[in-house]
């Protein structure tokens, strides 16, 4: 009986120091390889998410303009995200609005961009008319690009360009943009 108790006690030993050191070394190697890749994935998602959201807002504005048979505007928002801002410079966010009588507007969608992103566009106001065409505030046909860019060093394709044409088509393209210049 004493021999059986001794064998059970002998088989229940813990982990040796060598086994622990090998496990820690393997874990360190895996983390060294995985962490840079993972930070690149996070940086790409921080750029792609807002770009897809802005693309969705432009598609929504076009469909609402056609559905309501009236103009719907997509504009650069002010820093608070409460009104359109016609001044030149980076876009802190964008608004999808339905102009109403007496200068009143109805905000249909609001997107505020992460301050770590640089967002620039050629036009501070993009108007979809009742036919779904893109026009400026003075009703002239416009085409252009809204660039959403990241300065994260992990990304080689660090810009997402929302390209719009006067016919109403909006597309998203990946670009490599050194220093996040305006489109």
N, C-alpha and C. Protein backbone atom coordinates (compact mmCIF):
# COMPACT_ATOMS: atom_id res chain seq x y z
N UNK A 1 0.81 -1.18 0.00
CA UNK A 1 0.00 0.00 0.00
C UNK A 1 0.87 1.26 0.00
N UNK A 2 1.95 1.26 0.72
CA UNK A 2 2.85 2.40 0.77
C UNK A 2 3.50 2.63 -0.58
N UNK A 3 3.75 1.59 -1.35
CA UNK A 3 4.38 1.70 -2.67
C UNK A 3 3.45 2.41 -3.64
N UNK A 4 2.15 2.13 -3.55
CA UNK A 4 1.18 2.77 -4.45
C UNK A 4 1.09 4.25 -4.14
N UNK A 5 1.05 4.64 -2.90
CA UNK A 5 1.00 6.05 -2.52
C UNK A 5 2.24 6.78 -2.99
N UNK A 6 3.39 6.11 -2.93
CA UNK A 6 4.64 6.74 -3.37
C UNK A 6 4.63 6.95 -4.88
N UNK A 7 4.09 6.02 -5.69
CA UNK A 7 4.04 6.17 -7.13
C UNK A 7 3.06 7.27 -7.54
N UNK A 8 1.95 7.39 -6.85
CA UNK A 8 0.98 8.44 -7.14
C UNK A 8 1.61 9.81 -6.87
N UNK A 9 2.29 9.93 -5.74
CA UNK A 9 2.94 11.19 -5.40
C UNK A 9 4.02 11.52 -6.41
N UNK A 10 4.76 10.53 -6.91
CA UNK A 10 5.83 10.75 -7.87
C UNK A 10 5.27 11.21 -9.22
N UNK A 11 4.11 10.72 -9.65
CA UNK A 11 3.54 11.07 -10.95
C UNK A 11 2.82 12.42 -10.92
N UNK A 12 2.67 13.03 -9.78
CA UNK A 12 1.95 14.30 -9.69
C UNK A 12 2.90 15.49 -9.55
N UNK A 13 4.06 15.42 -10.13
CA UNK A 13 5.01 16.53 -10.05
C UNK A 13 4.56 17.67 -10.95
N UNK A 14 5.07 18.86 -10.69
CA UNK A 14 4.72 20.05 -11.46
C UNK A 14 5.59 20.21 -12.69
N UNK A 15 5.62 21.41 -13.22
CA UNK A 15 6.37 21.73 -14.42
C UNK A 15 7.80 22.05 -14.02
N UNK A 16 8.73 21.56 -14.80
CA UNK A 16 10.14 21.84 -14.50
C UNK A 16 10.49 23.24 -15.00
N UNK A 17 11.58 23.75 -14.52
CA UNK A 17 12.03 25.08 -14.91
C UNK A 17 12.37 25.12 -16.41
N UNK A 18 12.94 24.08 -16.94
CA UNK A 18 13.28 24.01 -18.36
C UNK A 18 12.01 24.07 -19.23
N UNK A 19 10.99 23.30 -18.83
CA UNK A 19 9.73 23.32 -19.58
C UNK A 19 9.10 24.71 -19.55
N UNK A 20 9.15 25.36 -18.42
CA UNK A 20 8.60 26.70 -18.29
C UNK A 20 9.36 27.69 -19.16
N UNK A 21 10.69 27.61 -19.18
CA UNK A 21 11.51 28.51 -19.99
C UNK A 21 11.25 28.30 -21.49
N UNK A 22 11.09 27.06 -21.91
CA UNK A 22 10.80 26.78 -23.32
C UNK A 22 9.44 27.36 -23.69
N UNK A 23 8.46 27.19 -22.84
CA UNK A 23 7.12 27.72 -23.10
C UNK A 23 7.14 29.24 -23.21
N UNK A 24 7.84 29.90 -22.31
CA UNK A 24 7.94 31.36 -22.34
C UNK A 24 8.68 31.82 -23.60
N UNK A 25 9.72 31.11 -24.02
CA UNK A 25 10.46 31.47 -25.23
C UNK A 25 9.57 31.35 -26.47
N UNK A 26 8.81 30.28 -26.56
CA UNK A 26 7.90 30.09 -27.70
C UNK A 26 6.84 31.19 -27.71
N UNK A 27 6.30 31.51 -26.56
CA UNK A 27 5.30 32.56 -26.46
C UNK A 27 5.87 33.91 -26.89
N UNK A 28 7.11 34.19 -26.49
CA UNK A 28 7.76 35.45 -26.87
C UNK A 28 7.95 35.54 -28.38
N UNK A 29 8.34 34.43 -29.00
CA UNK A 29 8.52 34.43 -30.45
C UNK A 29 7.19 34.66 -31.17
N UNK A 30 6.15 33.99 -30.73
CA UNK A 30 4.83 34.15 -31.35
C UNK A 30 4.34 35.59 -31.19
N UNK A 31 4.50 36.19 -30.03
CA UNK A 31 4.06 37.56 -29.81
C UNK A 31 4.88 38.55 -30.63
N UNK A 32 6.16 38.30 -30.80
CA UNK A 32 7.02 39.17 -31.60
C UNK A 32 6.54 39.20 -33.05
N UNK A 33 6.07 38.10 -33.54
CA UNK A 33 5.58 38.02 -34.92
C UNK A 33 4.15 38.57 -35.00
N UNK A 34 3.30 38.28 -34.05
CA UNK A 34 1.88 38.61 -34.14
C UNK A 34 1.55 40.06 -33.84
N UNK A 35 2.22 40.68 -32.89
CA UNK A 35 1.84 42.03 -32.46
C UNK A 35 1.96 43.06 -33.58
N UNK A 36 3.05 43.12 -34.36
CA UNK A 36 3.07 44.10 -35.45
C UNK A 36 1.97 43.86 -36.48
N UNK A 37 1.68 42.62 -36.80
CA UNK A 37 0.62 42.32 -37.75
C UNK A 37 -0.73 42.74 -37.18
N UNK A 38 -0.94 42.50 -35.92
CA UNK A 38 -2.21 42.85 -35.28
C UNK A 38 -2.40 44.36 -35.22
N UNK A 39 -1.33 45.12 -34.96
CA UNK A 39 -1.46 46.57 -34.93
C UNK A 39 -1.74 47.13 -36.32
N UNK A 40 -1.24 46.47 -37.36
CA UNK A 40 -1.57 46.86 -38.73
C UNK A 40 -3.03 46.63 -39.04
N UNK A 41 -3.57 45.52 -38.56
CA UNK A 41 -4.99 45.21 -38.78
C UNK A 41 -5.86 46.24 -38.05
N UNK A 42 -5.48 46.60 -36.85
CA UNK A 42 -6.24 47.60 -36.09
C UNK A 42 -6.21 48.95 -36.81
N UNK A 43 -5.03 49.36 -37.29
CA UNK A 43 -4.92 50.64 -38.00
C UNK A 43 -5.75 50.63 -39.29
N UNK A 44 -5.74 49.52 -40.00
CA UNK A 44 -6.54 49.42 -41.23
C UNK A 44 -8.03 49.50 -40.93
N UNK A 45 -8.46 48.86 -39.86
CA UNK A 45 -9.88 48.92 -39.49
C UNK A 45 -10.30 50.31 -39.03
N UNK A 46 -9.40 51.04 -38.38
CA UNK A 46 -9.71 52.40 -37.95
C UNK A 46 -9.87 53.34 -39.14
N UNK A 47 -9.30 52.97 -40.27
CA UNK A 47 -9.43 53.75 -41.49
C UNK A 47 -10.61 53.28 -42.33
N UNK A 48 -10.75 51.97 -42.47
CA UNK A 48 -11.79 51.41 -43.33
C UNK A 48 -13.19 51.64 -42.78
N UNK A 49 -13.36 51.54 -41.48
CA UNK A 49 -14.69 51.75 -40.87
C UNK A 49 -15.28 53.11 -41.20
N UNK A 50 -14.60 54.21 -40.90
CA UNK A 50 -15.16 55.52 -41.23
C UNK A 50 -15.33 55.75 -42.73
N UNK A 51 -14.44 55.18 -43.55
CA UNK A 51 -14.58 55.32 -45.00
C UNK A 51 -15.84 54.63 -45.49
N UNK A 52 -16.10 53.44 -44.99
CA UNK A 52 -17.33 52.72 -45.37
C UNK A 52 -18.57 53.45 -44.86
N UNK A 53 -18.47 54.04 -43.68
CA UNK A 53 -19.59 54.78 -43.12
C UNK A 53 -19.90 56.03 -43.96
N UNK A 54 -18.85 56.71 -44.42
CA UNK A 54 -19.04 57.90 -45.26
C UNK A 54 -19.62 57.49 -46.63
N UNK A 55 -19.13 56.39 -47.18
CA UNK A 55 -19.68 55.87 -48.45
C UNK A 55 -21.16 55.56 -48.29
N UNK A 56 -21.51 54.92 -47.20
CA UNK A 56 -22.90 54.59 -46.92
C UNK A 56 -23.75 55.86 -46.81
N UNK A 57 -23.21 56.90 -46.19
CA UNK A 57 -23.95 58.16 -46.05
C UNK A 57 -24.20 58.80 -47.41
N UNK A 58 -23.23 58.73 -48.32
CA UNK A 58 -23.42 59.29 -49.65
C UNK A 58 -24.47 58.49 -50.43
N UNK A 59 -24.43 57.17 -50.33
CA UNK A 59 -25.44 56.34 -50.98
C UNK A 59 -26.84 56.62 -50.39
N UNK A 60 -26.88 56.79 -49.09
CA UNK A 60 -28.15 57.10 -48.42
C UNK A 60 -28.70 58.44 -48.92
N UNK A 61 -27.83 59.45 -49.03
CA UNK A 61 -28.26 60.77 -49.47
C UNK A 61 -28.83 60.71 -50.89
N UNK A 62 -28.19 59.95 -51.76
CA UNK A 62 -28.68 59.82 -53.14
C UNK A 62 -30.05 59.13 -53.16
N UNK A 63 -30.17 58.05 -52.42
CA UNK A 63 -31.45 57.33 -52.44
C UNK A 63 -32.56 58.16 -51.81
N UNK A 64 -32.26 58.93 -50.79
CA UNK A 64 -33.27 59.81 -50.17
C UNK A 64 -33.68 60.93 -51.13
N UNK A 65 -32.73 61.47 -51.89
CA UNK A 65 -33.04 62.53 -52.84
C UNK A 65 -34.00 62.01 -53.91
N UNK A 66 -33.75 60.80 -54.39
CA UNK A 66 -34.63 60.21 -55.40
C UNK A 66 -35.99 59.86 -54.79
N UNK A 67 -35.97 59.26 -53.60
CA UNK A 67 -37.21 58.83 -52.95
C UNK A 67 -38.12 60.01 -52.61
N UNK A 68 -37.52 61.09 -52.09
CA UNK A 68 -38.31 62.25 -51.68
C UNK A 68 -38.56 63.24 -52.82
N UNK A 69 -37.88 63.03 -53.96
CA UNK A 69 -37.99 63.90 -55.11
C UNK A 69 -37.62 65.35 -54.76
N UNK A 70 -36.51 65.46 -54.02
CA UNK A 70 -36.00 66.78 -53.63
C UNK A 70 -34.51 66.67 -53.34
N UNK A 71 -33.84 67.79 -53.24
CA UNK A 71 -32.40 67.79 -53.01
C UNK A 71 -32.06 67.38 -51.58
N UNK A 72 -30.99 66.61 -51.48
CA UNK A 72 -30.43 66.22 -50.18
C UNK A 72 -28.95 66.59 -50.23
N UNK A 73 -28.46 67.22 -49.17
CA UNK A 73 -27.07 67.68 -49.13
C UNK A 73 -26.22 66.82 -48.21
N UNK A 74 -24.97 66.64 -48.62
CA UNK A 74 -23.93 66.07 -47.77
C UNK A 74 -22.91 67.19 -47.62
N UNK A 75 -22.65 67.57 -46.37
CA UNK A 75 -21.76 68.71 -46.16
C UNK A 75 -20.73 68.43 -45.07
N UNK A 76 -19.69 69.22 -45.13
CA UNK A 76 -18.67 69.21 -44.08
C UNK A 76 -19.30 69.81 -42.84
N UNK A 77 -19.17 69.12 -41.71
CA UNK A 77 -19.78 69.64 -40.48
C UNK A 77 -18.81 70.54 -39.73
N UNK A 78 -19.37 71.32 -38.83
CA UNK A 78 -18.53 72.09 -37.92
C UNK A 78 -17.94 71.13 -36.88
N UNK A 79 -17.10 71.63 -36.01
CA UNK A 79 -16.43 70.77 -35.02
C UNK A 79 -17.41 70.10 -34.07
N UNK A 80 -18.54 70.73 -33.81
CA UNK A 80 -19.55 70.15 -32.91
C UNK A 80 -20.44 69.15 -33.63
N UNK A 81 -20.43 69.17 -34.96
CA UNK A 81 -21.27 68.25 -35.72
C UNK A 81 -22.73 68.68 -35.76
N UNK A 82 -22.98 69.97 -35.59
CA UNK A 82 -24.37 70.45 -35.52
C UNK A 82 -24.82 71.22 -36.75
N UNK A 83 -23.87 71.69 -37.57
CA UNK A 83 -24.23 72.50 -38.74
C UNK A 83 -23.16 72.34 -39.80
N UNK A 84 -23.51 72.74 -41.02
CA UNK A 84 -22.54 72.70 -42.12
C UNK A 84 -21.51 73.80 -41.96
N UNK A 85 -20.31 73.55 -42.45
CA UNK A 85 -19.22 74.50 -42.37
C UNK A 85 -18.64 74.65 -43.78
N UNK A 86 -18.74 75.84 -44.35
CA UNK A 86 -18.28 76.08 -45.72
C UNK A 86 -16.81 76.48 -45.78
N UNK A 87 -16.15 76.64 -44.65
CA UNK A 87 -14.75 77.05 -44.64
C UNK A 87 -13.85 75.95 -45.17
N UNK A 88 -12.73 76.35 -45.74
CA UNK A 88 -11.74 75.39 -46.23
C UNK A 88 -11.09 74.69 -45.04
N UNK A 89 -10.54 73.52 -45.30
CA UNK A 89 -9.83 72.79 -44.25
C UNK A 89 -10.36 71.39 -44.07
N UNK A 90 -9.82 70.73 -43.09
CA UNK A 90 -10.16 69.32 -42.84
C UNK A 90 -11.61 69.19 -42.38
N UNK A 91 -12.17 68.04 -42.67
CA UNK A 91 -13.55 67.72 -42.29
C UNK A 91 -13.55 67.03 -40.94
N UNK A 92 -14.09 67.65 -39.89
CA UNK A 92 -14.21 66.94 -38.61
C UNK A 92 -15.31 65.88 -38.65
N UNK A 93 -16.24 66.06 -39.58
CA UNK A 93 -17.34 65.13 -39.73
C UNK A 93 -18.15 65.50 -40.95
N UNK A 94 -19.22 64.75 -41.19
CA UNK A 94 -20.11 65.11 -42.29
C UNK A 94 -21.55 64.96 -41.86
N UNK A 95 -22.40 65.73 -42.50
CA UNK A 95 -23.82 65.70 -42.22
C UNK A 95 -24.57 65.39 -43.51
N UNK A 96 -25.61 64.61 -43.40
CA UNK A 96 -26.57 64.43 -44.49
C UNK A 96 -27.80 65.19 -44.04
N UNK A 97 -28.15 66.21 -44.82
CA UNK A 97 -29.25 67.09 -44.41
C UNK A 97 -30.29 67.25 -45.51
N UNK A 98 -31.49 67.55 -45.08
CA UNK A 98 -32.59 67.87 -45.99
C UNK A 98 -32.90 69.34 -45.76
N UNK A 99 -32.56 70.19 -46.75
CA UNK A 99 -32.90 71.62 -46.59
C UNK A 99 -34.41 71.78 -46.49
N UNK A 100 -34.82 72.67 -45.63
CA UNK A 100 -36.25 72.93 -45.43
C UNK A 100 -36.52 74.41 -45.68
N UNK A 101 -37.76 74.78 -45.61
CA UNK A 101 -38.15 76.16 -45.82
C UNK A 101 -37.56 77.06 -44.74
N UNK A 102 -37.39 78.32 -45.09
CA UNK A 102 -36.92 79.37 -44.18
C UNK A 102 -35.53 79.06 -43.60
N UNK A 103 -34.69 78.37 -44.38
CA UNK A 103 -33.32 78.13 -43.95
C UNK A 103 -33.14 77.04 -42.92
N UNK A 104 -34.22 76.45 -42.47
CA UNK A 104 -34.13 75.36 -41.50
C UNK A 104 -33.69 74.09 -42.22
N UNK A 105 -32.92 73.29 -41.53
CA UNK A 105 -32.47 72.02 -42.11
C UNK A 105 -32.84 70.88 -41.17
N UNK A 106 -33.00 69.70 -41.76
CA UNK A 106 -33.27 68.51 -40.98
C UNK A 106 -32.07 67.59 -41.16
N UNK A 107 -31.39 67.28 -40.07
CA UNK A 107 -30.23 66.40 -40.13
C UNK A 107 -30.72 64.96 -40.20
N UNK A 108 -30.36 64.28 -41.29
CA UNK A 108 -30.76 62.89 -41.48
C UNK A 108 -29.71 61.92 -40.95
N UNK A 109 -28.45 62.28 -41.11
CA UNK A 109 -27.34 61.47 -40.60
C UNK A 109 -26.20 62.39 -40.19
N UNK A 110 -25.47 61.93 -39.19
CA UNK A 110 -24.30 62.67 -38.72
C UNK A 110 -23.16 61.68 -38.51
N UNK A 111 -21.99 62.00 -39.04
CA UNK A 111 -20.80 61.18 -38.84
C UNK A 111 -19.69 62.11 -38.35
N UNK A 112 -19.09 61.76 -37.25
CA UNK A 112 -17.93 62.50 -36.76
C UNK A 112 -16.71 61.60 -36.92
N UNK A 113 -15.65 62.13 -37.53
CA UNK A 113 -14.46 61.34 -37.80
C UNK A 113 -13.52 61.35 -36.61
N UNK A 114 -12.77 60.28 -36.46
CA UNK A 114 -11.73 60.17 -35.44
C UNK A 114 -10.71 61.28 -35.68
N UNK A 115 -10.33 62.04 -34.66
CA UNK A 115 -9.34 63.12 -34.85
C UNK A 115 -7.98 62.61 -35.35
N UNK A 116 -7.71 61.32 -35.22
CA UNK A 116 -6.45 60.77 -35.72
C UNK A 116 -6.45 60.65 -37.25
N UNK A 117 -7.63 60.75 -37.87
CA UNK A 117 -7.73 60.68 -39.32
C UNK A 117 -7.71 62.08 -39.92
N UNK A 118 -7.18 62.18 -41.13
CA UNK A 118 -7.17 63.44 -41.86
C UNK A 118 -8.19 63.30 -42.99
N UNK A 119 -9.23 64.13 -42.97
CA UNK A 119 -10.29 64.04 -43.97
C UNK A 119 -10.35 65.37 -44.72
N UNK A 120 -10.18 65.29 -46.04
CA UNK A 120 -10.21 66.49 -46.88
C UNK A 120 -11.05 66.22 -48.12
N UNK A 121 -11.67 67.27 -48.61
CA UNK A 121 -12.45 67.16 -49.84
C UNK A 121 -12.38 68.44 -50.64
N UNK A 122 -12.66 68.31 -51.91
CA UNK A 122 -12.62 69.47 -52.79
C UNK A 122 -13.84 70.37 -52.58
N UNK A 123 -14.97 69.76 -52.26
CA UNK A 123 -16.22 70.50 -52.10
C UNK A 123 -16.74 70.36 -50.68
N UNK A 124 -17.10 71.48 -50.07
CA UNK A 124 -17.64 71.44 -48.71
C UNK A 124 -19.11 71.03 -48.70
N UNK A 125 -19.75 71.06 -49.89
CA UNK A 125 -21.15 70.68 -50.01
C UNK A 125 -21.33 69.84 -51.28
N UNK A 126 -21.94 68.70 -51.11
CA UNK A 126 -22.27 67.82 -52.23
C UNK A 126 -23.78 67.66 -52.21
N UNK A 127 -24.44 68.13 -53.28
CA UNK A 127 -25.91 68.09 -53.31
C UNK A 127 -26.36 67.03 -54.32
N UNK A 128 -27.22 66.14 -53.85
CA UNK A 128 -27.87 65.18 -54.73
C UNK A 128 -29.24 65.77 -55.07
N UNK A 129 -29.49 65.98 -56.38
CA UNK A 129 -30.80 66.52 -56.76
C UNK A 129 -31.83 65.40 -56.85
N UNK A 130 -33.04 65.75 -57.23
CA UNK A 130 -34.14 64.78 -57.24
C UNK A 130 -33.92 63.62 -58.21
N UNK A 131 -33.06 63.83 -59.21
CA UNK A 131 -32.74 62.76 -60.16
C UNK A 131 -31.55 61.92 -59.70
N UNK A 132 -30.92 62.29 -58.59
CA UNK A 132 -29.78 61.56 -58.07
C UNK A 132 -28.45 62.04 -58.61
N UNK A 133 -28.44 63.15 -59.34
CA UNK A 133 -27.20 63.70 -59.87
C UNK A 133 -26.52 64.56 -58.81
N UNK A 134 -25.21 64.68 -58.91
CA UNK A 134 -24.45 65.46 -57.93
C UNK A 134 -24.23 66.87 -58.47
N UNK A 135 -24.57 67.84 -57.66
CA UNK A 135 -24.48 69.24 -58.04
C UNK A 135 -23.86 70.04 -56.88
N UNK A 136 -23.36 71.21 -57.22
CA UNK A 136 -22.89 72.16 -56.21
C UNK A 136 -24.10 72.96 -55.72
N UNK A 137 -23.87 73.86 -54.78
CA UNK A 137 -24.98 74.66 -54.25
C UNK A 137 -25.61 75.53 -55.33
N UNK A 138 -24.83 75.93 -56.35
CA UNK A 138 -25.37 76.77 -57.43
C UNK A 138 -25.92 75.93 -58.59
N UNK A 139 -26.10 74.63 -58.39
CA UNK A 139 -26.69 73.68 -59.34
C UNK A 139 -25.80 73.35 -60.54
N UNK A 140 -24.49 73.59 -60.43
CA UNK A 140 -23.58 73.16 -61.50
C UNK A 140 -23.08 71.75 -61.18
N UNK A 141 -22.86 70.97 -62.22
CA UNK A 141 -22.39 69.59 -62.05
C UNK A 141 -20.98 69.60 -61.46
N UNK A 142 -20.75 68.73 -60.48
CA UNK A 142 -19.41 68.63 -59.88
C UNK A 142 -19.00 67.16 -59.78
N UNK A 143 -17.71 66.96 -59.80
CA UNK A 143 -17.10 65.66 -59.53
C UNK A 143 -15.93 65.93 -58.61
N UNK A 144 -15.56 64.97 -57.81
CA UNK A 144 -14.44 65.20 -56.91
C UNK A 144 -14.14 63.99 -56.05
N UNK A 145 -13.36 64.24 -55.02
CA UNK A 145 -12.91 63.18 -54.13
C UNK A 145 -12.96 63.67 -52.69
N UNK A 146 -13.41 62.80 -51.82
CA UNK A 146 -13.32 63.02 -50.38
C UNK A 146 -12.32 62.00 -49.87
N UNK A 147 -11.16 62.46 -49.38
CA UNK A 147 -10.09 61.57 -48.95
C UNK A 147 -10.09 61.42 -47.44
N UNK A 148 -10.11 60.17 -47.00
CA UNK A 148 -10.00 59.83 -45.58
C UNK A 148 -8.65 59.14 -45.44
N UNK A 149 -7.77 59.71 -44.64
CA UNK A 149 -6.38 59.28 -44.62
C UNK A 149 -5.89 59.06 -43.18
N UNK A 150 -5.01 58.09 -43.04
CA UNK A 150 -4.41 57.79 -41.73
C UNK A 150 -2.91 57.99 -41.81
N UNK A 151 -2.33 58.51 -40.74
CA UNK A 151 -0.89 58.69 -40.69
C UNK A 151 -0.19 57.53 -39.97
N UNK A 152 -0.93 56.45 -39.72
CA UNK A 152 -0.35 55.28 -39.03
C UNK A 152 0.77 54.69 -39.88
N UNK A 153 1.95 54.48 -39.29
CA UNK A 153 3.09 53.99 -40.07
C UNK A 153 2.94 52.53 -40.54
N UNK A 154 2.00 51.77 -39.98
CA UNK A 154 1.83 50.37 -40.36
C UNK A 154 1.16 50.21 -41.71
N UNK A 155 0.52 51.25 -42.21
CA UNK A 155 -0.27 51.14 -43.43
C UNK A 155 0.49 51.62 -44.65
N UNK A 156 0.51 50.81 -45.70
CA UNK A 156 1.09 51.26 -46.96
C UNK A 156 0.01 51.95 -47.79
N UNK A 157 -1.20 51.40 -47.79
CA UNK A 157 -2.34 52.04 -48.44
C UNK A 157 -3.13 52.76 -47.36
N UNK A 158 -2.70 53.98 -47.06
CA UNK A 158 -3.21 54.71 -45.91
C UNK A 158 -4.33 55.69 -46.21
N UNK A 159 -4.84 55.67 -47.45
CA UNK A 159 -5.92 56.59 -47.81
C UNK A 159 -7.07 55.82 -48.44
N UNK A 160 -8.28 56.30 -48.18
CA UNK A 160 -9.48 55.79 -48.82
C UNK A 160 -10.13 56.98 -49.50
N UNK A 161 -10.21 56.92 -50.82
CA UNK A 161 -10.78 58.01 -51.59
C UNK A 161 -12.21 57.69 -51.98
N UNK A 162 -13.13 58.53 -51.56
CA UNK A 162 -14.53 58.45 -52.00
C UNK A 162 -14.63 59.33 -53.24
N UNK A 163 -14.69 58.69 -54.38
CA UNK A 163 -14.72 59.43 -55.64
C UNK A 163 -16.16 59.52 -56.11
N UNK A 164 -16.60 60.74 -56.39
CA UNK A 164 -17.97 60.95 -56.85
C UNK A 164 -17.94 61.70 -58.18
N UNK A 165 -18.90 61.35 -59.02
CA UNK A 165 -19.02 61.99 -60.33
C UNK A 165 -20.41 62.59 -60.45
N UNK A 166 -20.55 63.54 -61.37
CA UNK A 166 -21.79 64.30 -61.49
C UNK A 166 -23.01 63.43 -61.77
N UNK A 167 -22.82 62.26 -62.36
CA UNK A 167 -23.94 61.37 -62.63
C UNK A 167 -24.50 60.70 -61.40
N UNK A 168 -23.85 60.86 -60.25
CA UNK A 168 -24.36 60.32 -58.99
C UNK A 168 -23.61 59.09 -58.49
N UNK A 169 -22.68 58.57 -59.30
CA UNK A 169 -21.95 57.37 -58.88
C UNK A 169 -20.88 57.74 -57.85
N UNK A 170 -20.81 56.94 -56.79
CA UNK A 170 -19.81 57.13 -55.74
C UNK A 170 -19.09 55.81 -55.55
N UNK A 171 -17.76 55.86 -55.52
CA UNK A 171 -16.98 54.63 -55.34
C UNK A 171 -15.88 54.88 -54.32
N UNK A 172 -15.36 53.79 -53.79
CA UNK A 172 -14.32 53.85 -52.78
C UNK A 172 -13.07 53.19 -53.33
N UNK A 173 -11.93 53.86 -53.21
CA UNK A 173 -10.66 53.33 -53.72
C UNK A 173 -9.59 53.45 -52.65
N UNK A 174 -8.74 52.42 -52.58
CA UNK A 174 -7.59 52.46 -51.66
C UNK A 174 -6.42 53.12 -52.36
N UNK A 175 -5.70 53.95 -51.62
CA UNK A 175 -4.54 54.65 -52.18
C UNK A 175 -3.42 54.69 -51.16
N UNK A 176 -2.22 54.85 -51.67
CA UNK A 176 -1.06 55.15 -50.83
C UNK A 176 -0.83 56.65 -50.97
N UNK A 177 -0.93 57.37 -49.88
CA UNK A 177 -0.80 58.83 -49.91
C UNK A 177 0.25 59.24 -48.89
N UNK A 178 1.36 59.70 -49.36
CA UNK A 178 2.45 60.12 -48.48
C UNK A 178 2.09 61.43 -47.78
N UNK A 179 1.97 61.39 -46.47
CA UNK A 179 1.69 62.59 -45.70
C UNK A 179 0.26 63.06 -45.70
N UNK A 180 -0.66 62.29 -46.25
CA UNK A 180 -2.09 62.61 -46.27
C UNK A 180 -2.41 63.95 -46.92
N UNK A 181 -2.01 64.16 -48.18
CA UNK A 181 -2.37 65.42 -48.84
C UNK A 181 -3.84 65.46 -49.22
N UNK A 182 -4.36 66.66 -49.46
CA UNK A 182 -5.74 66.80 -49.93
C UNK A 182 -5.80 66.24 -51.36
N UNK A 183 -6.93 65.68 -51.74
CA UNK A 183 -7.05 65.10 -53.10
C UNK A 183 -7.05 66.17 -54.18
